[in-house]
Amino acid sequence: MSIEKIEIKAEEEYIRLDQFLKLSGSIETGGQAKVAIQSGEVTVNGETCTMRGKKLRRGDRAGIDGNIFEVC
């Protein structure tokens, strides 16, 4: 399993989980992100996360469909 690193803008302290999934290319729309998150298909730091507005900070990892993406 590989971890892809996704960089957020330097001035941003965090990014919301739904926005991060779109940025990573895992999900195309906010609606798809909402469904995937609320269905329990997404993990944050190895734990299932159903909070769409979850704030991810540098070093956090989000996973979906066997892919893991790290915020950097």
C-alpha atoms as a PDB file:
ATOM      1  CA  MET A   1       0.000   0.000   0.000  1.00  0.00           C
ATOM      2  CA  SER A   2       1.406   3.387  -0.946  1.00  0.00           C
ATOM      3  CA  ILE A   3       0.641   6.778   0.513  1.00  0.00           C
ATOM      4  CA  GLU A   4       0.167   9.697  -1.848  1.00  0.00           C
ATOM      5  CA  LYS A   5       0.975  13.109  -0.386  1.00  0.00           C
ATOM      6  CA  ILE A   6      -1.366  15.999  -1.199  1.00  0.00           C
ATOM      7  CA  GLU A   7      -0.077  19.486  -0.449  1.00  0.00           C
ATOM      8  CA  ILE A   8      -2.393  22.196   0.821  1.00  0.00           C
ATOM      9  CA  LYS A   9      -1.669  25.916   0.582  1.00  0.00           C
ATOM     10  CA  ALA A  10       0.886  27.144   3.111  1.00  0.00           C
ATOM     11  CA  GLU A  11      -1.452  29.768   4.575  1.00  0.00           C
ATOM     12  CA  GLU A  12      -4.195  27.220   5.283  1.00  0.00           C
ATOM     13  CA  GLU A  13      -4.194  25.620   8.732  1.00  0.00           C
ATOM     14  CA  TYR A  14      -6.550  22.805   7.732  1.00  0.00           C
ATOM     15  CA  ILE A  15      -8.694  21.433   4.918  1.00  0.00           C
ATOM     16  CA  ARG A  16     -12.122  19.849   5.264  1.00  0.00           C
ATOM     17  CA  LEU A  17     -12.330  16.122   4.579  1.00  0.00           C
ATOM     18  CA  ASP A  18     -14.819  16.469   1.713  1.00  0.00           C
ATOM     19  CA  GLN A  19     -12.648  19.101   0.014  1.00  0.00           C
ATOM     20  CA  PHE A  20      -9.534  16.977   0.515  1.00  0.00           C
ATOM     21  CA  LEU A  21     -11.132  13.956  -1.145  1.00  0.00           C
ATOM     22  CA  LYS A  22     -11.982  16.081  -4.192  1.00  0.00           C
ATOM     23  CA  LEU A  23      -8.461  17.552  -4.271  1.00  0.00           C
ATOM     24  CA  SER A  24      -6.948  14.055  -4.148  1.00  0.00           C
ATOM     25  CA  GLY A  25      -8.987  13.032  -7.198  1.00  0.00           C
ATOM     26  CA  SER A  26     -10.680  10.184  -5.313  1.00  0.00           C
ATOM     27  CA  ILE A  27     -14.092  11.823  -5.605  1.00  0.00           C
ATOM     28  CA  GLU A  28     -15.382  14.129  -8.325  1.00  0.00           C
ATOM     29  CA  THR A  29     -18.147  16.061  -6.573  1.00  0.00           C
ATOM     30  CA  GLY A  30     -19.135  17.238  -3.127  1.00  0.00           C
ATOM     31  CA  GLY A  31     -22.250  15.077  -3.336  1.00  0.00           C
ATOM     32  CA  GLN A  32     -20.184  11.955  -3.948  1.00  0.00           C
ATOM     33  CA  ALA A  33     -17.919  12.901  -1.042  1.00  0.00           C
ATOM     34  CA  LYS A  34     -20.918  13.339   1.252  1.00  0.00           C
ATOM     35  CA  VAL A  35     -22.309   9.910   0.376  1.00  0.00           C
ATOM     36  CA  ALA A  36     -18.940   8.138   0.713  1.00  0.00           C
ATOM     37  CA  ILE A  37     -18.198   9.768   4.074  1.00  0.00           C
ATOM     38  CA  GLN A  38     -21.650   9.203   5.548  1.00  0.00           C
ATOM     39  CA  SER A  39     -21.614   5.588   4.313  1.00  0.00           C
ATOM     40  CA  GLY A  40     -18.472   4.876   6.331  1.00  0.00           C
ATOM     41  CA  GLU A  41     -16.251   4.327   3.278  1.00  0.00           C
ATOM     42  CA  VAL A  42     -13.647   6.880   4.416  1.00  0.00           C
ATOM     43  CA  THR A  43     -11.003   6.592   7.111  1.00  0.00           C
ATOM     44  CA  VAL A  44      -9.013   9.333   8.810  1.00  0.00           C
ATOM     45  CA  ASN A  45      -5.805   8.243  10.507  1.00  0.00           C
ATOM     46  CA  GLY A  46      -6.953   4.624  10.313  1.00  0.00           C
ATOM     47  CA  GLU A  47     -10.391   5.172  11.894  1.00  0.00           C
ATOM     48  CA  THR A  48     -13.729   5.279  10.053  1.00  0.00           C
ATOM     49  CA  CYS A  49     -14.910   8.883   9.833  1.00  0.00           C
ATOM     50  CA  THR A  50     -18.467   9.951   9.057  1.00  0.00           C
ATOM     51  CA  MET A  51     -17.962  13.688   9.648  1.00  0.00           C
ATOM     52  CA  ARG A  52     -17.969  15.491   6.301  1.00  0.00           C
ATOM     53  CA  GLY A  53     -16.577  18.701   7.788  1.00  0.00           C
ATOM     54  CA  LYS A  54     -13.748  16.942   9.661  1.00  0.00           C
ATOM     55  CA  LYS A  55     -10.727  19.250   9.703  1.00  0.00           C
ATOM     56  CA  LEU A  56      -7.557  17.621   8.398  1.00  0.00           C
ATOM     57  CA  ARG A  57      -4.213  19.127   9.290  1.00  0.00           C
ATOM     58  CA  ARG A  58      -0.720  18.418   8.006  1.00  0.00           C
ATOM     59  CA  GLY A  59       0.266  14.834   8.776  1.00  0.00           C
ATOM     60  CA  ASP A  60      -3.323  13.513   8.809  1.00  0.00           C
ATOM     61  CA  ARG A  61      -4.127  10.642   6.470  1.00  0.00           C
ATOM     62  CA  ALA A  62      -7.419   9.970   4.718  1.00  0.00           C
ATOM     63  CA  GLY A  63      -8.214   6.678   3.038  1.00  0.00           C
ATOM     64  CA  ILE A  64     -10.830   5.585   0.519  1.00  0.00           C
ATOM     65  CA  ASP A  65     -11.064   2.541  -1.781  1.00  0.00           C
ATOM     66  CA  GLY A  66      -7.722   1.196  -0.531  1.00  0.00           C
ATOM     67  CA  ASN A  67      -5.886   4.435  -1.315  1.00  0.00           C
ATOM     68  CA  ILE A  68      -4.328   6.583   1.407  1.00  0.00           C
ATOM     69  CA  PHE A  69      -3.609  10.281   1.028  1.00  0.00           C
ATOM     70  CA  GLU A  70      -1.553  12.357   3.446  1.00  0.00           C
ATOM     71  CA  VAL A  71      -2.045  16.077   4.046  1.00  0.00           C
ATOM     72  CA  CYS A  72       1.242  17.956   3.746  1.00  0.00           C
END
